[in-house]
């Protein structure tokens, strides 16, 4: 939950590069470095290394800020039947689960384009 809340903080900055850096840093710390991002010190260090302000990160972690948004994302994911990653939703209508060949994405995009005519 805390990692997702910090991603929401990054999203609030309207800087897609920052969001990607934060997500990638969390992945690296967890999957490559083998550290627990449930540990607030590890999570704080990773978020700051990715470019978030330490004071803002610490403020978020002692509050419930962004919790409603994260829970809302989880509810939406359950409603869409999302059970894993990656998962893509195109035009709020077509769902693509798992790693798929590009043809699957082309088909979905062609359907969206045809519907717009």
Protein backbone atom coordinates (compact mmCIF):
# COMPACT_ATOMS: atom_id res chain seq x y z
CA UNK A 1 0.00 0.00 0.00
CA UNK A 2 2.75 2.48 0.93
CA UNK A 3 4.62 2.00 -2.35
CA UNK A 4 1.41 2.60 -4.27
CA UNK A 5 0.70 5.73 -2.25
CA UNK A 6 4.16 7.06 -3.11
CA UNK A 7 3.49 6.36 -6.78
CA UNK A 8 0.34 8.47 -6.40
CA UNK A 9 2.52 11.22 -4.93
CA UNK A 10 4.76 11.01 -7.99
CA UNK A 11 1.70 11.12 -10.27
CA UNK A 12 0.55 14.30 -8.52
CA UNK A 13 3.67 16.04 -9.85
CA UNK A 14 2.46 15.62 -13.47
CA UNK A 15 5.89 14.32 -14.47
CA UNK A 16 5.67 10.99 -16.29
CA UNK A 17 9.45 10.53 -16.13
CA UNK A 18 9.35 10.88 -12.34
CA UNK A 19 6.57 8.29 -12.09
CA UNK A 20 8.56 5.86 -14.22
CA UNK A 21 11.72 6.45 -12.17
CA UNK A 22 9.84 5.80 -8.93
CA UNK A 23 8.24 2.60 -10.23
CA UNK A 24 11.49 1.34 -11.74
CA UNK A 25 13.39 2.11 -8.55
CA UNK A 26 10.86 0.21 -6.44
CA UNK A 27 11.13 -2.76 -8.82
CA UNK A 28 14.93 -2.69 -8.66
CA UNK A 29 15.04 -2.47 -4.88
CA UNK A 30 12.58 -5.34 -4.52
CA UNK A 31 13.44 -7.70 -7.38
CA UNK A 32 17.14 -7.03 -7.96
CA UNK A 33 18.42 -5.89 -4.59
CA UNK A 34 16.15 -8.26 -2.65
CA UNK A 35 15.05 -5.61 -0.16
CA UNK A 36 11.60 -5.28 1.32
CA UNK A 37 9.69 -2.24 0.16
CA UNK A 38 7.39 -2.84 3.13
CA UNK A 39 10.25 -1.41 5.21
CA UNK A 40 9.58 2.32 5.40
CA UNK A 41 13.30 3.20 5.50
CA UNK A 42 13.99 1.16 2.36
CA UNK A 43 10.93 2.63 0.65
CA UNK A 44 11.86 6.18 1.62
CA UNK A 45 15.42 5.79 0.37
CA UNK A 46 14.22 4.34 -2.95
CA UNK A 47 11.64 7.10 -3.44
CA UNK A 48 14.19 9.83 -2.71
CA UNK A 49 16.76 8.21 -5.02
CA UNK A 50 14.11 8.26 -7.76
CA UNK A 51 13.55 11.99 -7.29
CA UNK A 52 10.81 12.48 -4.70
CA UNK A 53 11.30 14.97 -1.89
CA UNK A 54 12.24 13.25 1.38
CA UNK A 55 10.03 15.48 3.53
CA UNK A 56 7.01 14.82 1.30
CA UNK A 57 7.68 11.08 1.30
CA UNK A 58 7.94 10.95 5.09
CA UNK A 59 4.75 13.02 5.43
CA UNK A 60 2.84 10.61 3.18
CA UNK A 61 4.10 7.55 5.04
CA UNK A 62 2.81 8.77 8.43
CA UNK A 63 -0.57 9.76 7.01
CA UNK A 64 -3.37 8.10 5.10
CA UNK A 65 -2.96 10.41 2.12
CA UNK A 66 -3.66 8.71 -1.25
CA UNK A 67 -5.05 5.63 0.51
CA UNK A 68 -8.56 6.15 -0.92
CA UNK A 69 -7.15 6.47 -4.44
CA UNK A 70 -5.12 3.27 -4.08
CA UNK A 71 -8.10 1.36 -2.70
CA UNK A 72 -10.20 2.76 -5.56
CA UNK A 73 -7.64 1.46 -8.05
CA UNK A 74 -7.79 -1.97 -6.40
CA UNK A 75 -11.59 -2.05 -6.56
CA UNK A 76 -11.52 -1.04 -10.23
CA UNK A 77 -8.95 -3.75 -10.96
CA UNK A 78 -11.14 -6.37 -9.29
CA UNK A 79 -14.18 -5.21 -11.26
CA UNK A 80 -12.19 -5.55 -14.48
CA UNK A 81 -11.05 -9.04 -13.49
CA UNK A 82 -7.39 -8.08 -13.20
CA UNK A 83 -5.46 -10.80 -11.44
CA UNK A 84 -1.92 -10.08 -12.58
CA UNK A 85 0.40 -7.87 -14.51
CA UNK A 86 0.81 -6.63 -17.08
CA UNK A 87 -2.81 -5.73 -17.73
CA UNK A 88 -3.98 -3.16 -20.25
CA UNK A 89 -7.37 -1.48 -20.61
CA UNK A 90 -7.99 0.20 -23.94
CA UNK A 91 -10.71 2.83 -24.23
CA UNK A 92 -12.25 1.61 -20.95
CA UNK A 93 -13.64 -1.31 -22.92
CA UNK A 94 -11.04 -3.82 -24.07
CA UNK A 95 -8.85 -5.67 -21.60
CA UNK A 96 -5.61 -7.41 -22.46
CA UNK A 97 -4.06 -9.60 -19.78
CA UNK A 98 -0.48 -10.81 -19.66
CA UNK A 99 2.36 -10.44 -22.09
CA UNK A 100 0.77 -10.62 -25.52
CA UNK A 101 2.11 -10.37 -29.06
CA UNK A 102 1.71 -6.99 -30.69
CA UNK A 103 -1.03 -8.37 -32.97
CA UNK A 104 -3.37 -8.58 -29.99
CA UNK A 105 -2.90 -4.86 -29.34
CA UNK A 106 -3.34 -4.05 -33.03
CA UNK A 107 -6.66 -5.94 -33.08
CA UNK A 108 -7.94 -4.09 -30.02
CA UNK A 109 -6.89 -0.72 -31.41
CA UNK A 110 -8.50 -1.50 -34.76
CA UNK A 111 -11.77 -2.32 -32.96
CA UNK A 112 -11.65 1.01 -31.14
CA UNK A 113 -10.93 2.85 -34.39
CA UNK A 114 -13.80 1.08 -36.18
CA UNK A 115 -16.21 1.97 -33.39
CA UNK A 116 -15.30 5.65 -33.63
CA UNK A 117 -16.47 5.83 -37.24
